[in-house]
Amino acid sequence: MQPFNKYYSPDWTPEKGSINKFNGTHAYGARAKKIDEGILVVRFELPYNIWCLGCNNHIGQGVRYNAEKKKVGNYYSTPILQFRMKCHLCDNYIEIQTDPKNSAYVVVSGARKKMEEWNPEDTEVIQLQPEDTKEKLEADPMYRLEHNINDKKIMEASTPHISQLQNLNDSQWSDPYAKSQLLRKQFRTVKKIDKINHEASEKVRDKHSLGIKLLPEAISDTIGAKSVEYATPHLLEKKRLAVAVKPLFDMKQPKTDQHLKNLSHVAKIHTRLKTDPFYNSNLKTQSTTKLKDIVVKPTTKKLRTEDGKSANALVSYTDSESDE
């Protein structure tokens, strides 16, 4: 059982009245702290959009506040109530009163109503009859007859649209089995195409080790890929064209003076290698070797003394002439 959180002191008896009267409290608790002034705190919801005059901010319809409700007058026997609340965006207080005559709420101070005008015909909702029209329909039989005739004309004008929709629906679903068979056939065709595309995309993913999902191929992708030009095919085509127009036998270039000097230098080196036995034969020469770059290393030569004995001597040759 849900507890009621009521405490009855030991000195309370039913003869002393209710527990609230005995404790000097109100049944509404803190909401009735100004009940002696006729003010009760209630939960109030804004009936429409307003603009706060304190901070100039927009407050939407349906925002709820803890408002002080107070009776400020009567319209015949209906009380006029006033709700006073504090704006949640600033320190401004907003007061709204009921208007029993027009069945509406009126902003008294602290804010202004956001004006929103619209026509029920634009929203395609059911249009309610105005109060003066209702009174005429109840009091004037001739006006009621004319109104009914107008309603019938409106219904007849809208009947062709309804009949057209109904006939279209009947023609499409006159044979539900054939319609369902056609839909299933289209579904199977689309399913096969999707399966083929999925297998092709999986092959591409496995080939390139891609971990992302590939989207279906689009025409714009194909056009964009064909419009890209790479440098490699262009260079290869240029090279193929150069080879195609190149003559079969190349014309030898005439020998220049420098070329002749190089040949003469090489001939001198080979001659020295053949004639000079003390020249280092391991020296590697090239066609670009110059004479000043040739270094003759010292070698050891055996000399004959007067008594016929041989002795070693260190000699160095700077030319190709032999020692006599």
C-alpha atoms as a PDB file:
ATOM      1  CA  MET A   1       0.000   0.000   0.000  1.00  0.00           C
ATOM      2  CA  GLN A   2       1.290   3.452  -0.891  1.00  0.00           C
ATOM      3  CA  PRO A   3       2.036   5.558   2.196  1.00  0.00           C
ATOM      4  CA  PHE A   4       0.402   8.953   2.581  1.00  0.00           C
ATOM      5  CA  ASN A   5       3.230  10.467   4.673  1.00  0.00           C
ATOM      6  CA  LYS A   6       0.839  11.771   7.315  1.00  0.00           C
ATOM      7  CA  TYR A   7       1.895  12.050  10.909  1.00  0.00           C
ATOM      8  CA  TYR A   8      -0.659  12.142  13.733  1.00  0.00           C
ATOM      9  CA  SER A   9       0.735  13.389  17.019  1.00  0.00           C
ATOM     10  CA  PRO A  10      -0.229  11.550  20.227  1.00  0.00           C
ATOM     11  CA  ASP A  11      -2.229  14.498  21.574  1.00  0.00           C
ATOM     12  CA  TRP A  12      -4.474  14.713  18.478  1.00  0.00           C
ATOM     13  CA  THR A  13      -8.027  13.462  18.692  1.00  0.00           C
ATOM     14  CA  PRO A  14     -10.780  13.440  16.017  1.00  0.00           C
ATOM     15  CA  GLU A  15     -12.728  15.969  18.089  1.00  0.00           C
ATOM     16  CA  LYS A  16     -10.001  18.549  17.372  1.00  0.00           C
ATOM     17  CA  GLY A  17     -10.757  18.533  13.645  1.00  0.00           C
ATOM     18  CA  SER A  18      -8.496  17.589  10.712  1.00  0.00           C
ATOM     19  CA  ILE A  19      -4.786  17.075  11.143  1.00  0.00           C
ATOM     20  CA  ASN A  20      -4.141  20.178   8.975  1.00  0.00           C
ATOM     21  CA  LYS A  21      -6.301  22.313  11.219  1.00  0.00           C
ATOM     22  CA  PHE A  22      -4.685  20.862  14.314  1.00  0.00           C
ATOM     23  CA  ASN A  23      -1.144  21.598  12.972  1.00  0.00           C
ATOM     24  CA  GLY A  24      -2.119  24.996  11.525  1.00  0.00           C
ATOM     25  CA  THR A  25      -1.193  24.077   7.937  1.00  0.00           C
ATOM     26  CA  HIS A  26      -3.050  24.070   4.631  1.00  0.00           C
ATOM     27  CA  ALA A  27      -3.847  20.993   2.577  1.00  0.00           C
ATOM     28  CA  TYR A  28      -1.976  22.483  -0.417  1.00  0.00           C
ATOM     29  CA  GLY A  29       1.177  23.019   1.622  1.00  0.00           C
ATOM     30  CA  ALA A  30       3.630  25.676   0.377  1.00  0.00           C
ATOM     31  CA  ARG A  31       1.423  26.475  -2.607  1.00  0.00           C
ATOM     32  CA  ALA A  32      -1.107  28.050  -0.275  1.00  0.00           C
ATOM     33  CA  LYS A  33       1.280  30.305   1.684  1.00  0.00           C
ATOM     34  CA  LYS A  34      -0.628  33.377   0.347  1.00  0.00           C
ATOM     35  CA  ILE A  35      -4.081  31.841   0.603  1.00  0.00           C
ATOM     36  CA  ASP A  36      -5.160  34.565   3.026  1.00  0.00           C
ATOM     37  CA  GLU A  37      -4.686  37.050   0.141  1.00  0.00           C
ATOM     38  CA  GLY A  38      -6.692  34.850  -2.193  1.00  0.00           C
ATOM     39  CA  ILE A  39      -3.535  33.698  -4.077  1.00  0.00           C
ATOM     40  CA  LEU A  40      -2.840  30.060  -4.888  1.00  0.00           C
ATOM     41  CA  VAL A  41       0.246  28.844  -6.748  1.00  0.00           C
ATOM     42  CA  VAL A  42      -0.720  26.659  -9.711  1.00  0.00           C
ATOM     43  CA  ARG A  43       0.999  25.231 -12.772  1.00  0.00           C
ATOM     44  CA  PHE A  44       0.136  27.493 -15.718  1.00  0.00           C
ATOM     45  CA  GLU A  45       0.823  26.783 -19.394  1.00  0.00           C
ATOM     46  CA  LEU A  46       1.106  29.601 -21.927  1.00  0.00           C
ATOM     47  CA  PRO A  47      -1.870  29.487 -24.334  1.00  0.00           C
ATOM     48  CA  TYR A  48       0.038  31.110 -27.249  1.00  0.00           C
ATOM     49  CA  ASN A  49       3.418  32.526 -28.251  1.00  0.00           C
ATOM     50  CA  ILE A  50       4.469  35.756 -26.545  1.00  0.00           C
ATOM     51  CA  TRP A  51       7.360  38.239 -26.482  1.00  0.00           C
ATOM     52  CA  CYS A  52       8.758  39.136 -23.066  1.00  0.00           C
ATOM     53  CA  LEU A  53       9.045  42.927 -22.599  1.00  0.00           C
ATOM     54  CA  GLY A  54      11.853  42.556 -20.064  1.00  0.00           C
ATOM     55  CA  CYS A  55      14.407  40.677 -22.202  1.00  0.00           C
ATOM     56  CA  ASN A  56      12.690  40.815 -25.637  1.00  0.00           C
ATOM     57  CA  ASN A  57      12.981  37.038 -25.942  1.00  0.00           C
ATOM     58  CA  HIS A  58      10.444  34.773 -27.572  1.00  0.00           C
ATOM     59  CA  ILE A  59       8.570  32.360 -25.301  1.00  0.00           C
ATOM     60  CA  GLY A  60       6.798  29.555 -27.087  1.00  0.00           C
ATOM     61  CA  GLN A  61       3.346  28.199 -26.596  1.00  0.00           C
ATOM     62  CA  GLY A  62       3.111  25.452 -23.987  1.00  0.00           C
ATOM     63  CA  VAL A  63       5.903  26.675 -21.701  1.00  0.00           C
ATOM     64  CA  ARG A  64       4.875  26.057 -18.084  1.00  0.00           C
ATOM     65  CA  TYR A  65       5.367  28.268 -15.049  1.00  0.00           C
ATOM     66  CA  ASN A  66       4.499  28.274 -11.361  1.00  0.00           C
ATOM     67  CA  ALA A  67       1.965  31.118 -11.464  1.00  0.00           C
ATOM     68  CA  GLU A  68       0.036  32.904  -8.743  1.00  0.00           C
ATOM     69  CA  LYS A  69      -3.683  32.513  -9.478  1.00  0.00           C
ATOM     70  CA  LYS A  70      -6.001  35.203  -8.166  1.00  0.00           C
ATOM     71  CA  LYS A  71      -9.619  36.212  -8.810  1.00  0.00           C
ATOM     72  CA  VAL A  72      -9.868  39.818 -10.053  1.00  0.00           C
ATOM     73  CA  GLY A  73     -13.530  40.095 -11.150  1.00  0.00           C
ATOM     74  CA  ASN A  74     -16.589  38.454 -12.681  1.00  0.00           C
ATOM     75  CA  TYR A  75     -18.227  38.297 -16.089  1.00  0.00           C
ATOM     76  CA  TYR A  76     -21.811  37.708 -15.064  1.00  0.00           C
ATOM     77  CA  SER A  77     -21.376  34.630 -12.880  1.00  0.00           C
ATOM     78  CA  THR A  78     -18.049  33.507 -14.399  1.00  0.00           C
ATOM     79  CA  PRO A  79     -14.967  34.564 -12.406  1.00  0.00           C
ATOM     80  CA  ILE A  80     -12.111  36.382 -14.159  1.00  0.00           C
ATOM     81  CA  LEU A  81      -8.781  34.876 -13.094  1.00  0.00           C
ATOM     82  CA  GLN A  82      -5.348  36.441 -13.236  1.00  0.00           C
ATOM     83  CA  PHE A  83      -2.078  34.480 -13.500  1.00  0.00           C
ATOM     84  CA  ARG A  84       1.160  36.168 -12.478  1.00  0.00           C
ATOM     85  CA  MET A  85       4.462  34.444 -13.234  1.00  0.00           C
ATOM     86  CA  LYS A  86       8.144  35.308 -13.516  1.00  0.00           C
ATOM     87  CA  CYS A  87       9.985  34.990 -16.851  1.00  0.00           C
ATOM     88  CA  HIS A  88      12.566  32.205 -16.784  1.00  0.00           C
ATOM     89  CA  LEU A  89      14.983  34.309 -18.887  1.00  0.00           C
ATOM     90  CA  CYS A  90      14.913  37.520 -16.808  1.00  0.00           C
ATOM     91  CA  ASP A  91      13.395  39.071 -13.669  1.00  0.00           C
ATOM     92  CA  ASN A  92      10.322  40.424 -15.452  1.00  0.00           C
ATOM     93  CA  TYR A  93       6.846  39.398 -14.249  1.00  0.00           C
ATOM     94  CA  ILE A  94       4.110  38.502 -16.758  1.00  0.00           C
ATOM     95  CA  GLU A  95       0.381  38.817 -16.010  1.00  0.00           C
ATOM     96  CA  ILE A  96      -2.314  37.069 -18.069  1.00  0.00           C
ATOM     97  CA  GLN A  97      -6.068  37.201 -17.462  1.00  0.00           C
ATOM     98  CA  THR A  98      -8.954  35.106 -18.691  1.00  0.00           C
ATOM     99  CA  ASP A  99     -11.572  36.640 -21.011  1.00  0.00           C
ATOM    100  CA  PRO A 100     -14.827  34.668 -20.546  1.00  0.00           C
ATOM    101  CA  LYS A 101     -16.680  36.899 -23.029  1.00  0.00           C
ATOM    102  CA  ASN A 102     -14.444  35.923 -25.965  1.00  0.00           C
ATOM    103  CA  SER A 103     -13.265  32.571 -24.535  1.00  0.00           C
ATOM    104  CA  ALA A 104      -9.631  33.657 -24.694  1.00  0.00           C
ATOM    105  CA  TYR A 105      -6.623  34.774 -22.658  1.00  0.00           C
ATOM    106  CA  VAL A 106      -5.450  38.394 -22.573  1.00  0.00           C
ATOM    107  CA  VAL A 107      -1.927  39.572 -21.750  1.00  0.00           C
ATOM    108  CA  VAL A 108      -2.245  42.352 -19.154  1.00  0.00           C
ATOM    109  CA  SER A 109       1.382  43.352 -18.544  1.00  0.00           C
ATOM    110  CA  GLY A 110       4.985  42.206 -18.891  1.00  0.00           C
ATOM    111  CA  ALA A 111       4.623  40.727 -22.391  1.00  0.00           C
ATOM    112  CA  ARG A 112       2.853  41.051 -25.718  1.00  0.00           C
ATOM    113  CA  LYS A 113       1.117  38.436 -27.822  1.00  0.00           C
ATOM    114  CA  LYS A 114       2.754  37.277 -31.026  1.00  0.00           C
ATOM    115  CA  MET A 115       0.328  38.048 -33.840  1.00  0.00           C
ATOM    116  CA  GLU A 116      -0.182  35.034 -36.091  1.00  0.00           C
ATOM    117  CA  GLU A 117      -2.880  35.337 -38.731  1.00  0.00           C
ATOM    118  CA  TRP A 118      -3.807  32.388 -40.916  1.00  0.00           C
ATOM    119  CA  ASN A 119      -6.697  31.140 -42.968  1.00  0.00           C
ATOM    120  CA  PRO A 120      -8.242  27.742 -42.139  1.00  0.00           C
ATOM    121  CA  GLU A 121      -8.589  27.045 -45.867  1.00  0.00           C
ATOM    122  CA  ASP A 122      -4.803  27.160 -46.281  1.00  0.00           C
ATOM    123  CA  THR A 123      -4.299  24.445 -43.688  1.00  0.00           C
ATOM    124  CA  GLU A 124      -7.078  22.246 -45.136  1.00  0.00           C
ATOM    125  CA  VAL A 125      -8.736  21.674 -41.785  1.00  0.00           C
ATOM    126  CA  ILE A 126     -12.391  21.496 -40.873  1.00  0.00           C
ATOM    127  CA  GLN A 127     -13.823  24.988 -40.678  1.00  0.00           C
ATOM    128  CA  LEU A 128     -16.029  25.629 -37.692  1.00  0.00           C
ATOM    129  CA  GLN A 129     -19.045  27.841 -38.057  1.00  0.00           C
ATOM    130  CA  PRO A 130     -18.766  31.340 -36.576  1.00  0.00           C
ATOM    131  CA  GLU A 131     -21.023  32.298 -33.676  1.00  0.00           C
ATOM    132  CA  ASP A 132     -23.284  34.571 -35.756  1.00  0.00           C
ATOM    133  CA  THR A 133     -23.743  31.814 -38.354  1.00  0.00           C
ATOM    134  CA  LYS A 134     -24.682  29.324 -35.650  1.00  0.00           C
ATOM    135  CA  GLU A 135     -27.271  31.697 -34.266  1.00  0.00           C
ATOM    136  CA  LYS A 136     -28.788  32.248 -37.716  1.00  0.00           C
ATOM    137  CA  LEU A 137     -28.937  28.510 -38.393  1.00  0.00           C
ATOM    138  CA  GLU A 138     -30.817  27.976 -35.140  1.00  0.00           C
ATOM    139  CA  ALA A 139     -33.211  30.937 -35.472  1.00  0.00           C
ATOM    140  CA  ASP A 140     -33.883  31.299 -39.235  1.00  0.00           C
ATOM    141  CA  PRO A 141     -35.258  28.211 -41.078  1.00  0.00           C
ATOM    142  CA  MET A 142     -34.863  29.823 -44.527  1.00  0.00           C
ATOM    143  CA  TYR A 143     -31.229  30.585 -43.889  1.00  0.00           C
ATOM    144  CA  ARG A 144     -30.733  27.020 -42.706  1.00  0.00           C
ATOM    145  CA  LEU A 145     -32.283  25.715 -45.943  1.00  0.00           C
ATOM    146  CA  GLU A 146     -30.031  27.914 -48.094  1.00  0.00           C
ATOM    147  CA  HIS A 147     -27.005  26.800 -46.084  1.00  0.00           C
ATOM    148  CA  ASN A 148     -27.871  23.149 -46.616  1.00  0.00           C
ATOM    149  CA  ILE A 149     -28.212  23.722 -50.369  1.00  0.00           C
ATOM    150  CA  ASN A 150     -24.738  25.304 -50.467  1.00  0.00           C
ATOM    151  CA  ASP A 151     -23.316  22.387 -48.544  1.00  0.00           C
ATOM    152  CA  LYS A 152     -24.774  19.950 -51.096  1.00  0.00           C
ATOM    153  CA  LYS A 153     -23.204  21.899 -53.963  1.00  0.00           C
ATOM    154  CA  ILE A 154     -19.805  21.770 -52.281  1.00  0.00           C
ATOM    155  CA  MET A 155     -20.182  18.021 -51.769  1.00  0.00           C
ATOM    156  CA  GLU A 156     -21.145  17.490 -55.417  1.00  0.00           C
ATOM    157  CA  ALA A 157     -18.140  19.525 -56.576  1.00  0.00           C
ATOM    158  CA  SER A 158     -15.784  17.359 -54.526  1.00  0.00           C
ATOM    159  CA  THR A 159     -17.425  14.057 -55.559  1.00  0.00           C
ATOM    160  CA  PRO A 160     -15.574  13.664 -58.920  1.00  0.00           C
ATOM    161  CA  HIS A 161     -12.196  13.757 -57.168  1.00  0.00           C
ATOM    162  CA  ILE A 162     -13.250  11.061 -54.743  1.00  0.00           C
ATOM    163  CA  SER A 163     -14.778   8.965 -57.527  1.00  0.00           C
ATOM    164  CA  GLN A 164     -11.617   9.325 -59.611  1.00  0.00           C
ATOM    165  CA  LEU A 165      -9.454   8.084 -56.768  1.00  0.00           C
ATOM    166  CA  GLN A 166     -11.823   5.221 -56.080  1.00  0.00           C
ATOM    167  CA  ASN A 167     -11.937   4.150 -59.749  1.00  0.00           C
ATOM    168  CA  LEU A 168      -8.150   4.270 -59.958  1.00  0.00           C
ATOM    169  CA  ASN A 169      -7.845   2.103 -56.889  1.00  0.00           C
ATOM    170  CA  ASP A 170     -10.374  -0.378 -58.228  1.00  0.00           C
ATOM    171  CA  SER A 171      -8.576  -0.657 -61.590  1.00  0.00           C
ATOM    172  CA  GLN A 172      -5.192  -1.260 -59.989  1.00  0.00           C
ATOM    173  CA  TRP A 173      -6.382  -3.880 -57.514  1.00  0.00           C
ATOM    174  CA  SER A 174      -9.145  -5.537 -59.503  1.00  0.00           C
ATOM    175  CA  ASP A 175      -7.010  -8.715 -59.591  1.00  0.00           C
ATOM    176  CA  PRO A 176      -4.941  -8.833 -56.365  1.00  0.00           C
ATOM    177  CA  TYR A 177      -3.195 -12.109 -57.341  1.00  0.00           C
ATOM    178  CA  ALA A 178      -1.899 -10.746 -60.668  1.00  0.00           C
ATOM    179  CA  LYS A 179      -0.796  -7.516 -58.966  1.00  0.00           C
ATOM    180  CA  SER A 180       1.040  -9.438 -56.265  1.00  0.00           C
ATOM    181  CA  GLN A 181       2.655 -11.714 -58.874  1.00  0.00           C
ATOM    182  CA  LEU A 182       3.933  -8.693 -60.810  1.00  0.00           C
ATOM    183  CA  LEU A 183       5.369  -7.135 -57.670  1.00  0.00           C
ATOM    184  CA  ARG A 184       7.139 -10.372 -56.705  1.00  0.00           C
ATOM    185  CA  LYS A 185       8.616 -10.690 -60.206  1.00  0.00           C
ATOM    186  CA  GLN A 186      10.001  -7.168 -60.053  1.00  0.00           C
ATOM    187  CA  PHE A 187      11.414  -7.874 -56.616  1.00  0.00           C
ATOM    188  CA  ARG A 188      13.222 -11.011 -57.810  1.00  0.00           C
ATOM    189  CA  THR A 189      14.732  -9.137 -60.769  1.00  0.00           C
ATOM    190  CA  VAL A 190      16.017  -6.347 -58.567  1.00  0.00           C
ATOM    191  CA  LYS A 191      17.336  -8.887 -56.071  1.00  0.00           C
ATOM    192  CA  LYS A 192      19.404 -10.675 -58.743  1.00  0.00           C
ATOM    193  CA  ILE A 193      20.893  -7.395 -59.952  1.00  0.00           C
ATOM    194  CA  ASP A 194      21.792  -6.441 -56.395  1.00  0.00           C
ATOM    195  CA  LYS A 195      23.446  -9.811 -55.853  1.00  0.00           C
ATOM    196  CA  ILE A 196      25.588  -9.461 -58.996  1.00  0.00           C
ATOM    197  CA  ASN A 197      26.649  -5.943 -58.032  1.00  0.00           C
ATOM    198  CA  HIS A 198      27.483  -7.102 -54.509  1.00  0.00           C
ATOM    199  CA  GLU A 199      29.689  -9.953 -55.773  1.00  0.00           C
ATOM    200  CA  ALA A 200      31.514  -7.587 -58.148  1.00  0.00           C
ATOM    201  CA  SER A 201      32.168  -5.099 -55.353  1.00  0.00           C
ATOM    202  CA  GLU A 202      33.400  -7.878 -53.061  1.00  0.00           C
ATOM    203  CA  LYS A 203      35.904  -8.988 -55.723  1.00  0.00           C
ATOM    204  CA  VAL A 204      37.245  -5.458 -55.984  1.00  0.00           C
ATOM    205  CA  ARG A 205      37.495  -5.196 -52.195  1.00  0.00           C
ATOM    206  CA  ASP A 206      39.351  -8.510 -51.920  1.00  0.00           C
ATOM    207  CA  LYS A 207      41.700  -7.584 -54.773  1.00  0.00           C
ATOM    208  CA  HIS A 208      42.707  -4.233 -53.299  1.00  0.00           C
ATOM    209  CA  SER A 209      42.262  -5.182 -49.595  1.00  0.00           C
ATOM    210  CA  LEU A 210      39.677  -2.489 -48.977  1.00  0.00           C
ATOM    211  CA  GLY A 211      37.879  -2.288 -45.654  1.00  0.00           C
ATOM    212  CA  ILE A 212      35.173   0.119 -46.782  1.00  0.00           C
ATOM    213  CA  LYS A 213      31.845  -0.465 -48.436  1.00  0.00           C
ATOM    214  CA  LEU A 214      31.765   0.355 -52.158  1.00  0.00           C
ATOM    215  CA  LEU A 215      28.876   2.365 -53.532  1.00  0.00           C
ATOM    216  CA  PRO A 216      27.154   1.416 -56.797  1.00  0.00           C
ATOM    217  CA  GLU A 217      28.732   2.724 -59.975  1.00  0.00           C
ATOM    218  CA  ALA A 218      27.231   5.951 -61.270  1.00  0.00           C
ATOM    219  CA  ILE A 219      27.385   7.572 -64.701  1.00  0.00           C
ATOM    220  CA  SER A 220      29.007  10.685 -63.236  1.00  0.00           C
ATOM    221  CA  ASP A 221      31.838   8.539 -61.828  1.00  0.00           C
ATOM    222  CA  THR A 222      32.533   7.029 -65.256  1.00  0.00           C
ATOM    223  CA  ILE A 223      32.601  10.442 -66.951  1.00  0.00           C
ATOM    224  CA  GLY A 224      34.884  11.842 -64.251  1.00  0.00           C
ATOM    225  CA  ALA A 225      37.305   8.915 -64.504  1.00  0.00           C
ATOM    226  CA  LYS A 226      37.543   9.221 -68.307  1.00  0.00           C
ATOM    227  CA  SER A 227      38.215  12.945 -68.081  1.00  0.00           C
ATOM    228  CA  VAL A 228      41.373  12.423 -65.994  1.00  0.00           C
ATOM    229  CA  GLU A 229      44.624  12.539 -68.006  1.00  0.00           C
ATOM    230  CA  TYR A 230      47.854  11.058 -66.682  1.00  0.00           C
ATOM    231  CA  ALA A 231      51.373  12.073 -67.750  1.00  0.00           C
ATOM    232  CA  THR A 232      52.743   8.548 -68.343  1.00  0.00           C
ATOM    233  CA  PRO A 233      50.679   7.600 -71.436  1.00  0.00           C
ATOM    234  CA  HIS A 234      51.437  10.984 -72.958  1.00  0.00           C
ATOM    235  CA  LEU A 235      55.195  10.525 -72.561  1.00  0.00           C
ATOM    236  CA  LEU A 236      55.065   6.973 -73.891  1.00  0.00           C
ATOM    237  CA  GLU A 237      53.153   8.108 -76.939  1.00  0.00           C
ATOM    238  CA  LYS A 238      55.684  10.859 -77.526  1.00  0.00           C
ATOM    239  CA  LYS A 239      58.543   8.365 -77.259  1.00  0.00           C
ATOM    240  CA  ARG A 240      56.863   5.950 -79.674  1.00  0.00           C
ATOM    241  CA  LEU A 241      56.405   8.776 -82.161  1.00  0.00           C
ATOM    242  CA  ALA A 242      60.103   9.749 -81.896  1.00  0.00           C
ATOM    243  CA  VAL A 243      61.176   6.151 -82.537  1.00  0.00           C
ATOM    244  CA  ALA A 244      58.812   5.879 -85.506  1.00  0.00           C
ATOM    245  CA  VAL A 245      60.233   8.940 -87.260  1.00  0.00           C
ATOM    246  CA  LYS A 246      63.878   8.135 -86.406  1.00  0.00           C
ATOM    247  CA  PRO A 247      66.008   7.086 -89.449  1.00  0.00           C
ATOM    248  CA  LEU A 248      67.023   3.452 -89.707  1.00  0.00           C
ATOM    249  CA  PHE A 249      70.792   4.167 -89.975  1.00  0.00           C
ATOM    250  CA  ASP A 250      72.186   6.890 -87.715  1.00  0.00           C
ATOM    251  CA  MET A 251      74.636   9.329 -89.304  1.00  0.00           C
ATOM    252  CA  LYS A 252      78.038   9.151 -87.616  1.00  0.00           C
ATOM    253  CA  GLN A 253      79.180  12.373 -86.147  1.00  0.00           C
ATOM    254  CA  PRO A 254      82.384  13.838 -87.635  1.00  0.00           C
ATOM    255  CA  LYS A 255      85.509  13.447 -85.551  1.00  0.00           C
ATOM    256  CA  THR A 256      86.516  16.627 -83.806  1.00  0.00           C
ATOM    257  CA  ASP A 257      89.969  17.756 -82.763  1.00  0.00           C
ATOM    258  CA  GLN A 258      89.362  16.736 -79.186  1.00  0.00           C
ATOM    259  CA  HIS A 259      88.405  13.248 -80.279  1.00  0.00           C
ATOM    260  CA  LEU A 260      91.573  12.965 -82.328  1.00  0.00           C
ATOM    261  CA  LYS A 261      93.674  14.132 -79.377  1.00  0.00           C
ATOM    262  CA  ASN A 262      92.135  11.443 -77.172  1.00  0.00           C
ATOM    263  CA  LEU A 263      92.925   8.758 -79.759  1.00  0.00           C
ATOM    264  CA  SER A 264      96.548   9.973 -80.028  1.00  0.00           C
ATOM    265  CA  HIS A 265      96.933   9.916 -76.274  1.00  0.00           C
ATOM    266  CA  VAL A 266      95.619   6.350 -76.017  1.00  0.00           C
ATOM    267  CA  ALA A 267      98.005   5.246 -78.794  1.00  0.00           C
ATOM    268  CA  LYS A 268     101.000   6.729 -76.932  1.00  0.00           C
ATOM    269  CA  ILE A 269     100.059   4.900 -73.743  1.00  0.00           C
ATOM    270  CA  HIS A 270      99.751   1.562 -75.523  1.00  0.00           C
ATOM    271  CA  THR A 271     103.107   2.138 -77.244  1.00  0.00           C
ATOM    272  CA  ARG A 272     104.792   2.898 -73.919  1.00  0.00           C
ATOM    273  CA  LEU A 273     103.304  -0.221 -72.342  1.00  0.00           C
ATOM    274  CA  LYS A 274     104.860  -2.303 -75.096  1.00  0.00           C
ATOM    275  CA  THR A 275     108.293  -0.632 -75.192  1.00  0.00           C
ATOM    276  CA  ASP A 276     108.955   0.226 -71.511  1.00  0.00           C
ATOM    277  CA  PRO A 277     109.470  -2.905 -69.410  1.00  0.00           C
ATOM    278  CA  PHE A 278     109.566  -0.909 -66.157  1.00  0.00           C
ATOM    279  CA  TYR A 279     106.240   0.797 -66.749  1.00  0.00           C
ATOM    280  CA  ASN A 280     103.378  -0.359 -64.494  1.00  0.00           C
ATOM    281  CA  SER A 281     101.335  -2.588 -66.757  1.00  0.00           C
ATOM    282  CA  ASN A 282      98.393  -2.765 -64.301  1.00  0.00           C
ATOM    283  CA  LEU A 283      97.440   0.863 -64.973  1.00  0.00           C
ATOM    284  CA  LYS A 284      93.845   1.055 -66.265  1.00  0.00           C
ATOM    285  CA  THR A 285      93.305   3.576 -68.999  1.00  0.00           C
ATOM    286  CA  GLN A 286      90.160   4.943 -70.540  1.00  0.00           C
ATOM    287  CA  SER A 287      89.430   7.024 -73.561  1.00  0.00           C
ATOM    288  CA  THR A 288      89.224  10.115 -71.406  1.00  0.00           C
ATOM    289  CA  THR A 289      92.653   9.640 -69.712  1.00  0.00           C
ATOM    290  CA  LYS A 290      94.986  12.596 -69.976  1.00  0.00           C
ATOM    291  CA  LEU A 291      98.767  12.455 -70.188  1.00  0.00           C
ATOM    292  CA  LYS A 292      99.353  14.576 -67.109  1.00  0.00           C
ATOM    293  CA  ASP A 293      97.281  12.123 -65.043  1.00  0.00           C
ATOM    294  CA  ILE A 294      99.689   9.235 -65.764  1.00  0.00           C
ATOM    295  CA  VAL A 295     101.964   8.557 -62.798  1.00  0.00           C
ATOM    296  CA  VAL A 296     105.024   6.328 -63.171  1.00  0.00           C
ATOM    297  CA  LYS A 297     105.687   4.461 -59.955  1.00  0.00           C
ATOM    298  CA  PRO A 298     109.366   3.812 -58.919  1.00  0.00           C
ATOM    299  CA  THR A 299     110.595   0.269 -59.486  1.00  0.00           C
ATOM    300  CA  THR A 300     113.619  -1.714 -58.394  1.00  0.00           C
ATOM    301  CA  LYS A 301     116.349  -2.459 -60.979  1.00  0.00           C
ATOM    302  CA  LYS A 302     119.302  -4.817 -60.651  1.00  0.00           C
ATOM    303  CA  LEU A 303     122.651  -3.235 -61.528  1.00  0.00           C
ATOM    304  CA  ARG A 304     125.845  -5.060 -62.517  1.00  0.00           C
ATOM    305  CA  THR A 305     128.988  -4.100 -60.634  1.00  0.00           C
ATOM    306  CA  GLU A 306     132.559  -4.285 -61.972  1.00  0.00           C
ATOM    307  CA  ASP A 307     133.265  -7.600 -60.303  1.00  0.00           C
ATOM    308  CA  GLY A 308     130.216  -9.149 -61.975  1.00  0.00           C
ATOM    309  CA  LYS A 309     127.943  -9.123 -58.920  1.00  0.00           C
ATOM    310  CA  SER A 310     124.397  -7.797 -59.028  1.00  0.00           C
ATOM    311  CA  ALA A 311     123.021  -5.120 -56.714  1.00  0.00           C
ATOM    312  CA  ASN A 312     119.557  -3.640 -56.237  1.00  0.00           C
ATOM    313  CA  ALA A 313     118.994   0.048 -56.982  1.00  0.00           C
ATOM    314  CA  LEU A 314     115.914   2.300 -56.737  1.00  0.00           C
ATOM    315  CA  VAL A 315     115.312   4.130 -60.007  1.00  0.00           C
ATOM    316  CA  SER A 316     112.519   6.295 -61.381  1.00  0.00           C
ATOM    317  CA  TYR A 317     111.651   6.785 -65.037  1.00  0.00           C
ATOM    318  CA  THR A 318     109.870   9.846 -66.229  1.00  0.00           C
ATOM    319  CA  ASP A 319     109.896   8.980 -69.939  1.00  0.00           C
ATOM    320  CA  SER A 320     109.754   5.931 -72.156  1.00  0.00           C
ATOM    321  CA  GLU A 321     113.473   5.756 -72.959  1.00  0.00           C
ATOM    322  CA  SER A 322     115.266   2.644 -71.813  1.00  0.00           C
ATOM    323  CA  ASP A 323     118.397   2.659 -69.703  1.00  0.00           C
ATOM    324  CA  GLU A 324     121.451   1.710 -71.685  1.00  0.00           C
END
